[in-house]
Amino acid sequence: MKKKYLIVCASKYGSTTQTGRWIGERLEGDVTVSDAGEMTDPQDSDVILLGSGIYSHTVLSPIKEYVDTYNMVLKEKQTAVFGVAIDTSGVFVRGKVHGGWEYIMPLINLLPNPPVHAGLLGGEINPLRLDDKDKAGLVKFYKMIGQSGEIPFKTRMTKQDSWEFAEKLMQRISQEKTDEAVQ
């Protein structure tokens, strides 16, 4: 039987939604990509993927609100989490980690059960599309890590990375099914 996947994205400028679509292209089954703000009911889906862009050191509030709203339904489902950020590895500056897994752990910890799979995927910065608040935040961040305050055009988004995330997710789902059959 085909799995039904729901990919819920909190995307400020579209990178996370595009990444969600690329992930969906690779999944074997029926796929729906939805904006977190639409509050699409996950009840009829088998696997729910929760994706968010990373801004101001955290995931976006609509994805947190989605998890809060559907927490009881998510408890009965397989989930996966992905964050989309320009820096997926993180840096250690002034005694603190900035970037990387540090930013998606709060979303993972909101879930009633651990996700089957989680990861960080490359995002994009287009200074022409940023609002004033995000521009100011990036300038501050770049200065903090010792780079110039100029915001560059930068993309780390790749369809290949998104497809690899989807393939790893399907592997983990398959492995989980095998593990349950053995028990």
Protein backbone atom coordinates (compact mmCIF):
# COMPACT_ATOMS: atom_id res chain seq x y z
CA MET A 1 0.00 0.00 0.00
CA LYS A 2 1.27 3.46 -0.90
CA LYS A 3 2.19 5.75 1.98
CA LYS A 4 0.51 9.13 2.26
CA TYR A 5 2.97 11.91 3.04
CA LEU A 6 2.10 15.38 4.26
CA ILE A 7 4.95 17.90 4.03
CA VAL A 8 4.16 20.94 6.20
CA CYS A 9 6.43 23.94 5.56
CA ALA A 10 6.98 27.21 7.38
CA SER A 11 8.71 29.29 4.72
CA LYS A 12 9.27 33.02 4.85
CA TYR A 13 10.75 33.58 1.39
CA GLY A 14 9.98 30.26 -0.35
CA SER A 15 13.19 28.24 0.10
CA THR A 16 11.67 25.80 2.58
CA THR A 17 8.58 25.25 0.45
CA GLN A 18 10.78 24.58 -2.60
CA THR A 19 12.86 22.15 -0.56
CA GLY A 20 9.66 20.44 0.60
CA ARG A 21 8.53 20.06 -3.04
CA TRP A 22 11.89 18.55 -4.00
CA ILE A 23 11.65 16.09 -1.11
CA GLY A 24 8.13 15.22 -2.22
CA GLU A 25 9.29 14.49 -5.79
CA ARG A 26 11.44 11.65 -4.46
CA LEU A 27 9.05 10.07 -1.97
CA GLU A 28 7.25 6.93 -3.11
CA GLY A 29 3.56 7.46 -2.42
CA ASP A 30 0.97 10.20 -2.38
CA VAL A 31 2.46 13.55 -1.40
CA THR A 32 0.85 16.81 -0.32
CA VAL A 33 2.94 19.93 0.37
CA SER A 34 1.20 22.45 2.60
CA ASP A 35 1.97 25.78 4.27
CA ALA A 36 2.06 25.47 8.07
CA GLY A 37 -0.28 28.44 8.39
CA GLU A 38 -3.00 26.55 6.51
CA MET A 39 -3.16 24.04 9.39
CA THR A 40 -3.76 21.05 7.08
CA ASP A 41 -5.11 18.20 9.21
CA PRO A 42 -2.57 15.34 9.24
CA GLN A 43 -5.11 12.69 10.29
CA ASP A 44 -5.30 10.97 6.89
CA SER A 45 -1.53 10.94 6.32
CA ASP A 46 0.88 8.17 7.30
CA VAL A 47 4.04 10.28 7.53
CA ILE A 48 4.21 13.98 8.38
CA LEU A 49 7.32 15.96 7.46
CA LEU A 50 7.74 19.25 9.31
CA GLY A 51 10.04 21.78 7.67
CA SER A 52 11.00 25.29 8.62
CA GLY A 53 13.35 28.01 7.58
CA ILE A 54 15.72 29.18 10.30
CA TYR A 55 15.51 32.85 11.27
CA SER A 56 16.88 34.63 14.32
CA HIS A 57 18.35 31.37 15.61
CA THR A 58 15.14 29.33 15.58
CA VAL A 59 12.43 27.73 13.46
CA LEU A 60 9.47 29.87 12.44
CA SER A 61 6.50 30.14 14.78
CA PRO A 62 3.87 28.72 12.33
CA ILE A 63 5.57 25.28 12.46
CA LYS A 64 5.60 25.35 16.26
CA GLU A 65 1.91 26.32 16.26
CA TYR A 66 1.18 23.47 13.86
CA VAL A 67 2.85 20.94 16.18
CA ASP A 68 1.00 22.38 19.19
CA THR A 69 -2.34 22.19 17.36
CA TYR A 70 -1.92 18.62 16.08
CA ASN A 71 0.21 17.16 18.87
CA MET A 72 -2.22 14.33 19.68
CA VAL A 73 -2.50 13.30 16.01
CA LEU A 74 1.27 13.48 15.54
CA LYS A 75 1.67 11.13 18.49
CA GLU A 76 0.15 8.35 16.36
CA LYS A 77 2.12 9.13 13.18
CA GLN A 78 5.62 8.77 11.84
CA THR A 79 7.27 12.17 11.58
CA ALA A 80 10.38 13.71 10.09
CA VAL A 81 11.87 17.17 10.60
CA PHE A 82 13.96 19.33 8.30
CA GLY A 83 15.39 22.77 8.78
CA VAL A 84 16.50 25.00 5.92
CA ALA A 85 19.39 27.36 6.59
CA ILE A 86 22.33 28.91 4.83
CA ASP A 87 24.67 27.41 7.44
CA THR A 88 23.89 23.79 8.20
CA SER A 89 27.10 23.00 10.07
CA GLY A 90 27.07 25.70 12.72
CA VAL A 91 29.88 27.75 14.21
CA PHE A 92 31.28 28.16 17.70
CA VAL A 93 31.76 31.85 18.57
CA ARG A 94 32.18 33.51 21.95
CA GLY A 95 31.52 30.31 23.87
CA LYS A 96 28.25 29.46 22.10
CA VAL A 97 27.11 27.31 19.18
CA HIS A 98 25.34 29.23 16.42
CA GLY A 99 23.61 27.41 13.59
CA GLY A 100 23.28 23.78 12.72
CA TRP A 101 21.30 21.30 14.80
CA GLU A 102 21.04 23.78 17.65
CA TYR A 103 18.24 25.52 15.73
CA ILE A 104 15.99 22.55 14.93
CA MET A 105 16.28 20.74 18.27
CA PRO A 106 13.48 22.84 19.84
CA LEU A 107 11.12 21.64 17.07
CA ILE A 108 12.23 18.03 17.49
CA ASN A 109 11.70 18.34 21.25
CA LEU A 110 8.14 19.63 20.72
CA LEU A 111 7.12 16.37 19.06
CA PRO A 112 5.38 13.77 21.22
CA ASN A 113 7.71 11.05 19.84
CA PRO A 114 11.16 11.20 18.24
CA PRO A 115 11.05 11.68 14.47
CA VAL A 116 12.00 8.82 12.17
CA HIS A 117 14.46 11.15 10.46
CA ALA A 118 15.68 14.73 10.80
CA GLY A 119 18.19 16.90 9.04
CA LEU A 120 19.35 20.29 7.89
CA LEU A 121 19.29 21.29 4.26
CA GLY A 122 20.88 24.24 2.54
CA GLY A 123 18.91 27.43 2.13
CA GLU A 124 19.29 30.66 0.24
CA ILE A 125 19.94 34.31 0.96
CA ASN A 126 18.76 36.84 -1.57
CA PRO A 127 19.34 40.31 -0.09
CA LEU A 128 16.86 41.82 -2.55
CA ARG A 129 14.01 39.78 -1.02
CA LEU A 130 14.85 40.21 2.68
CA ASP A 131 12.77 42.46 4.90
CA ASP A 132 14.51 45.11 7.00
CA LYS A 133 14.43 43.01 10.18
CA ASP A 134 16.10 40.03 8.50
CA LYS A 135 18.70 42.26 6.84
CA ALA A 136 19.60 43.81 10.21
CA GLY A 137 19.78 40.36 11.85
CA LEU A 138 22.12 39.02 9.17
CA VAL A 139 24.40 42.05 9.32
CA LYS A 140 24.64 41.61 13.09
CA PHE A 141 25.31 37.86 12.74
CA TYR A 142 28.01 38.33 10.09
CA LYS A 143 29.76 40.95 12.21
CA MET A 144 29.56 38.65 15.27
CA ILE A 145 31.35 35.85 13.41
CA GLY A 146 34.00 38.22 12.07
CA GLN A 147 32.78 38.70 8.52
CA SER A 148 31.88 41.94 6.80
CA GLY A 149 28.38 43.21 7.42
CA GLU A 150 27.58 43.03 3.72
CA ILE A 151 24.88 40.48 2.85
CA PRO A 152 25.91 38.33 -0.12
CA PHE A 153 23.71 36.48 -2.57
CA LYS A 154 24.19 32.90 -1.48
CA THR A 155 22.48 29.61 -2.19
CA ARG A 156 23.14 26.19 -0.79
CA MET A 157 19.84 24.72 -1.97
CA THR A 158 20.15 21.59 -4.08
CA LYS A 159 17.59 19.17 -5.36
CA GLN A 160 20.14 16.37 -4.84
CA ASP A 161 20.37 17.04 -1.08
CA SER A 162 16.57 17.13 -0.83
CA TRP A 163 16.28 13.85 -2.70
CA GLU A 164 18.92 12.25 -0.45
CA PHE A 165 16.90 13.38 2.59
CA ALA A 166 13.79 11.72 1.10
CA GLU A 167 15.66 8.51 0.31
CA LYS A 168 17.11 8.35 3.84
CA LEU A 169 13.61 8.90 5.26
CA MET A 170 12.18 6.03 3.20
CA GLN A 171 15.10 3.82 4.33
CA ARG A 172 14.41 4.63 7.98
CA ILE A 173 10.68 3.98 7.58
CA SER A 174 11.46 0.63 5.95
CA GLN A 175 13.95 -0.23 8.70
CA GLU A 176 11.44 0.70 11.40
CA LYS A 177 8.87 -1.62 9.78
CA THR A 178 11.48 -4.44 9.70
CA ASP A 179 12.39 -3.84 13.34
CA GLU A 180 8.71 -4.03 14.37
CA ALA A 181 8.23 -7.31 12.49
CA VAL A 182 11.21 -8.85 14.30
CA GLN A 183 9.84 -7.92 17.73
